[in-house]
Amino acid sequence: MEHEITKPIDEFLMWGFLALFIIAAICVLTFAHFTMRRIEKEIKRDGVDYIPPISFSDGGMVYYAFAIVVTERAAVRLERLINASVVRSYATKTDW
């Protein structure tokens, strides 16, 4: 038998999780639209020899985000997945 107190808490957690999921989805799509798209366009425009990361269900967004956000030393570890130095050179202050 369920207590009357746990029902509101369960609903609160469910709606809170849903709200956080929607906010995270909006952030990811905004990052992909404004940052990744601009960086890839600039790389193509400049004719840089660059192979974009293999994207398994848009895992490429994670590689771009790590390459931009983490320190230069940590970004070097991503070199086998993404050319972090090229991505970082095209990142602007608004991408940070």
C-alpha atoms as a PDB file:
ATOM      1  CA  MET A   1       0.000   0.000   0.000  1.00  0.00           C
ATOM      2  CA  GLU A   2       1.462   3.317  -1.083  1.00  0.00           C
ATOM      3  CA  HIS A   3       1.733   6.174   1.376  1.00  0.00           C
ATOM      4  CA  GLU A   4       0.098   9.466   0.538  1.00  0.00           C
ATOM      5  CA  ILE A   5       3.381  11.349   1.070  1.00  0.00           C
ATOM      6  CA  THR A   6       5.389   9.452  -1.548  1.00  0.00           C
ATOM      7  CA  LYS A   7       2.976  10.109  -4.392  1.00  0.00           C
ATOM      8  CA  PRO A   8       3.694  13.886  -4.631  1.00  0.00           C
ATOM      9  CA  ILE A   9       7.422  13.222  -4.290  1.00  0.00           C
ATOM     10  CA  ASP A  10       7.316  10.691  -7.129  1.00  0.00           C
ATOM     11  CA  GLU A  11       5.450  13.127  -9.353  1.00  0.00           C
ATOM     12  CA  PHE A  12       7.883  15.906  -8.477  1.00  0.00           C
ATOM     13  CA  LEU A  13      10.864  13.722  -9.379  1.00  0.00           C
ATOM     14  CA  MET A  14       9.254  12.585 -12.620  1.00  0.00           C
ATOM     15  CA  TRP A  15       8.442  16.137 -13.763  1.00  0.00           C
ATOM     16  CA  GLY A  16      11.839  17.380 -12.597  1.00  0.00           C
ATOM     17  CA  PHE A  17      13.629  14.693 -14.585  1.00  0.00           C
ATOM     18  CA  LEU A  18      11.516  15.466 -17.645  1.00  0.00           C
ATOM     19  CA  ALA A  19      12.269  19.185 -17.356  1.00  0.00           C
ATOM     20  CA  LEU A  20      16.021  18.557 -17.007  1.00  0.00           C
ATOM     21  CA  PHE A  21      15.943  16.199 -19.989  1.00  0.00           C
ATOM     22  CA  ILE A  22      14.244  18.821 -22.156  1.00  0.00           C
ATOM     23  CA  ILE A  23      16.703  21.524 -21.060  1.00  0.00           C
ATOM     24  CA  ALA A  24      19.674  19.239 -21.812  1.00  0.00           C
ATOM     25  CA  ALA A  25      18.251  18.372 -25.239  1.00  0.00           C
ATOM     26  CA  ILE A  26      17.818  22.056 -26.080  1.00  0.00           C
ATOM     27  CA  CYS A  27      21.417  22.797 -24.982  1.00  0.00           C
ATOM     28  CA  VAL A  28      22.827  19.958 -27.083  1.00  0.00           C
ATOM     29  CA  LEU A  29      20.886  20.954 -30.182  1.00  0.00           C
ATOM     30  CA  THR A  30      21.855  24.604 -29.753  1.00  0.00           C
ATOM     31  CA  PHE A  31      25.531  23.652 -29.450  1.00  0.00           C
ATOM     32  CA  ALA A  32      25.317  21.467 -32.537  1.00  0.00           C
ATOM     33  CA  HIS A  33      23.526  24.110 -34.563  1.00  0.00           C
ATOM     34  CA  PHE A  34      25.596  27.156 -33.698  1.00  0.00           C
ATOM     35  CA  THR A  35      29.058  25.881 -32.788  1.00  0.00           C
ATOM     36  CA  MET A  36      29.664  22.643 -34.695  1.00  0.00           C
ATOM     37  CA  ARG A  37      28.046  23.868 -37.877  1.00  0.00           C
ATOM     38  CA  ARG A  38      30.044  27.117 -37.879  1.00  0.00           C
ATOM     39  CA  ILE A  39      33.339  25.371 -37.136  1.00  0.00           C
ATOM     40  CA  GLU A  40      32.836  22.793 -39.899  1.00  0.00           C
ATOM     41  CA  LYS A  41      31.876  25.514 -42.409  1.00  0.00           C
ATOM     42  CA  GLU A  42      34.998  27.530 -41.579  1.00  0.00           C
ATOM     43  CA  ILE A  43      37.218  24.463 -41.849  1.00  0.00           C
ATOM     44  CA  LYS A  44      35.789  23.650 -45.297  1.00  0.00           C
ATOM     45  CA  ARG A  45      36.076  27.291 -46.396  1.00  0.00           C
ATOM     46  CA  ASP A  46      39.755  27.434 -45.405  1.00  0.00           C
ATOM     47  CA  GLY A  47      40.473  24.090 -47.067  1.00  0.00           C
ATOM     48  CA  VAL A  48      42.075  22.562 -43.986  1.00  0.00           C
ATOM     49  CA  ASP A  49      42.816  18.852 -44.227  1.00  0.00           C
ATOM     50  CA  TYR A  50      40.366  17.674 -41.584  1.00  0.00           C
ATOM     51  CA  ILE A  51      38.364  14.497 -41.142  1.00  0.00           C
ATOM     52  CA  PRO A  52      35.292  14.997 -38.945  1.00  0.00           C
ATOM     53  CA  PRO A  53      34.812  12.490 -36.131  1.00  0.00           C
ATOM     54  CA  ILE A  54      32.801   9.369 -36.744  1.00  0.00           C
ATOM     55  CA  SER A  55      29.436  10.029 -35.221  1.00  0.00           C
ATOM     56  CA  PHE A  56      27.589   7.133 -33.677  1.00  0.00           C
ATOM     57  CA  SER A  57      24.230   8.633 -32.811  1.00  0.00           C
ATOM     58  CA  ASP A  58      25.779  12.109 -32.695  1.00  0.00           C
ATOM     59  CA  GLY A  59      28.658  11.221 -30.436  1.00  0.00           C
ATOM     60  CA  GLY A  60      30.596  13.747 -32.511  1.00  0.00           C
ATOM     61  CA  MET A  61      28.965  16.522 -30.498  1.00  0.00           C
ATOM     62  CA  VAL A  62      30.637  15.145 -27.389  1.00  0.00           C
ATOM     63  CA  TYR A  63      34.039  15.111 -29.127  1.00  0.00           C
ATOM     64  CA  TYR A  64      33.635  18.721 -30.249  1.00  0.00           C
ATOM     65  CA  ALA A  65      32.534  19.806 -26.775  1.00  0.00           C
ATOM     66  CA  PHE A  66      35.477  18.073 -25.095  1.00  0.00           C
ATOM     67  CA  ALA A  67      37.932  19.448 -27.645  1.00  0.00           C
ATOM     68  CA  ILE A  68      36.705  22.980 -26.966  1.00  0.00           C
ATOM     69  CA  VAL A  69      36.162  22.901 -23.214  1.00  0.00           C
ATOM     70  CA  VAL A  70      38.983  20.799 -21.770  1.00  0.00           C
ATOM     71  CA  THR A  71      42.538  22.051 -21.377  1.00  0.00           C
ATOM     72  CA  GLU A  72      45.028  21.841 -24.231  1.00  0.00           C
ATOM     73  CA  ARG A  73      46.860  18.989 -22.542  1.00  0.00           C
ATOM     74  CA  ALA A  74      43.679  16.935 -22.143  1.00  0.00           C
ATOM     75  CA  ALA A  75      42.580  17.761 -25.691  1.00  0.00           C
ATOM     76  CA  VAL A  76      45.738  16.142 -27.063  1.00  0.00           C
ATOM     77  CA  ARG A  77      44.450  12.825 -25.726  1.00  0.00           C
ATOM     78  CA  LEU A  78      41.470  13.157 -28.053  1.00  0.00           C
ATOM     79  CA  GLU A  79      43.669  13.318 -31.161  1.00  0.00           C
ATOM     80  CA  ARG A  80      42.834   9.775 -32.219  1.00  0.00           C
ATOM     81  CA  LEU A  81      39.108  10.628 -32.165  1.00  0.00           C
ATOM     82  CA  ILE A  82      39.102  14.225 -33.376  1.00  0.00           C
ATOM     83  CA  ASN A  83      41.740  16.739 -34.457  1.00  0.00           C
ATOM     84  CA  ALA A  84      41.352  18.818 -31.317  1.00  0.00           C
ATOM     85  CA  SER A  85      43.959  21.422 -32.230  1.00  0.00           C
ATOM     86  CA  VAL A  86      42.093  22.316 -35.435  1.00  0.00           C
ATOM     87  CA  VAL A  87      38.741  22.475 -33.653  1.00  0.00           C
ATOM     88  CA  ARG A  88      40.201  24.594 -30.847  1.00  0.00           C
ATOM     89  CA  SER A  89      41.767  26.994 -33.341  1.00  0.00           C
ATOM     90  CA  TYR A  90      38.339  27.687 -34.850  1.00  0.00           C
ATOM     91  CA  ALA A  91      36.526  27.988 -31.499  1.00  0.00           C
ATOM     92  CA  THR A  92      35.621  31.474 -30.337  1.00  0.00           C
ATOM     93  CA  LYS A  93      35.121  32.877 -26.841  1.00  0.00           C
ATOM     94  CA  THR A  94      31.355  32.346 -27.138  1.00  0.00           C
ATOM     95  CA  ASP A  95      31.960  28.626 -27.645  1.00  0.00           C
ATOM     96  CA  TRP A  96      33.676  28.336 -24.275  1.00  0.00           C
END
